[in-house]
């Protein structure tokens, strides 16, 4: 695990089943110096916490939603980037 990256293991299990990508693999998006980050303003963000999206390379282009908690990044969801996201 990269330092400063965390996640809920139950959510990781669900994410692997739903999206075929583990948080263990997805965490390496933060090591991509070319990654793109933006605030999550999607309708799926119904929580009160500020969420961010990042798109970058981890063997393939991935899309990760996360939040910052103190000095850590907590992964909420990860999946292969769709066609439009890969072009951004």
Protein backbone atom coordinates (compact mmCIF):
# COMPACT_ATOMS: atom_id res chain seq x y z
CA UNK A 1 0.00 0.00 0.00
CA UNK A 2 1.27 3.46 -0.87
CA UNK A 3 1.79 5.76 2.10
CA UNK A 4 -1.15 8.08 2.61
CA UNK A 5 -3.67 5.98 0.63
CA UNK A 6 -6.46 4.15 2.45
CA UNK A 7 -9.84 2.51 1.84
CA UNK A 8 -12.57 0.47 3.42
CA UNK A 9 -11.93 -3.23 2.75
CA UNK A 10 -15.65 -4.10 2.43
CA UNK A 11 -16.04 -1.34 -0.18
CA UNK A 12 -12.95 -2.65 -1.97
CA UNK A 13 -14.54 -6.10 -2.22
CA UNK A 14 -17.74 -4.60 -3.66
CA UNK A 15 -15.77 -2.43 -6.07
CA UNK A 16 -13.85 -5.46 -7.39
CA UNK A 17 -17.15 -7.28 -8.00
CA UNK A 18 -18.85 -4.25 -9.60
CA UNK A 19 -15.99 -2.78 -11.62
CA UNK A 20 -13.29 -5.45 -11.86
CA UNK A 21 -10.65 -3.18 -10.33
CA UNK A 22 -9.21 -3.44 -6.83
CA UNK A 23 -8.26 -0.45 -4.74
CA UNK A 24 -4.85 -2.11 -4.29
CA UNK A 25 -4.27 -1.60 -8.03
CA UNK A 26 -6.16 1.70 -8.33
CA UNK A 27 -4.03 3.43 -5.68
CA UNK A 28 -1.17 3.67 -8.17
CA UNK A 29 -3.09 6.31 -10.13
CA UNK A 30 -1.68 8.75 -7.55
CA UNK A 31 1.85 7.87 -8.73
CA UNK A 32 1.02 8.99 -12.30
CA UNK A 33 2.53 12.47 -12.74
CA UNK A 34 0.28 13.04 -15.77
CA UNK A 35 -3.00 12.30 -13.95
CA UNK A 36 -5.88 14.75 -14.16
CA UNK A 37 -7.78 15.76 -11.01
CA UNK A 38 -11.04 17.64 -10.57
CA UNK A 39 -13.75 18.16 -7.97
CA UNK A 40 -16.56 15.59 -8.03
CA UNK A 41 -19.65 17.57 -8.90
CA UNK A 42 -21.60 14.54 -10.13
CA UNK A 43 -25.11 13.74 -8.99
CA UNK A 44 -23.71 10.53 -7.46
CA UNK A 45 -21.95 12.61 -4.79
CA UNK A 46 -24.73 12.83 -2.23
CA UNK A 47 -22.43 12.95 0.77
CA UNK A 48 -21.47 16.08 2.64
CA UNK A 49 -17.75 15.42 2.18
CA UNK A 50 -15.74 16.99 -0.62
CA UNK A 51 -14.86 14.36 -3.20
CA UNK A 52 -12.37 14.47 -6.01
CA UNK A 53 -11.97 12.53 -9.24
CA UNK A 54 -8.69 11.56 -10.81
CA UNK A 55 -7.97 9.95 -14.16
CA UNK A 56 -4.58 8.40 -14.85
CA UNK A 57 -2.61 5.36 -15.91
CA UNK A 58 -2.36 2.10 -13.96
CA UNK A 59 -1.57 -0.38 -16.78
CA UNK A 60 -4.71 1.15 -18.37
CA UNK A 61 -6.53 4.45 -17.89
CA UNK A 62 -8.51 4.39 -14.64
CA UNK A 63 -11.06 6.70 -13.02
CA UNK A 64 -10.90 7.02 -9.22
CA UNK A 65 -13.15 8.92 -6.81
CA UNK A 66 -11.61 9.76 -3.45
CA UNK A 67 -11.75 12.12 -0.53
CA UNK A 68 -8.99 13.68 1.51
CA UNK A 69 -8.97 12.94 5.22
CA UNK A 70 -6.19 14.72 7.02
CA UNK A 71 -2.99 13.75 5.21
CA UNK A 72 -4.56 10.68 3.57
CA UNK A 73 -6.46 10.03 0.38
CA UNK A 74 -9.37 7.61 0.93
CA UNK A 75 -10.48 5.75 -2.21
CA UNK A 76 -14.26 5.55 -2.58
CA UNK A 77 -14.63 4.03 -6.08
CA UNK A 78 -12.37 2.93 -8.93
CA UNK A 79 -13.05 1.65 -12.43
CA UNK A 80 -11.64 1.60 -15.94
CA UNK A 81 -12.10 5.04 -17.51
CA UNK A 82 -14.80 5.29 -20.16
CA UNK A 83 -14.13 6.53 -23.70
CA UNK A 84 -14.89 10.21 -22.94
CA UNK A 85 -12.74 10.15 -19.78
CA UNK A 86 -9.81 8.60 -21.66
CA UNK A 87 -9.83 11.56 -24.06
CA UNK A 88 -9.69 14.20 -21.29
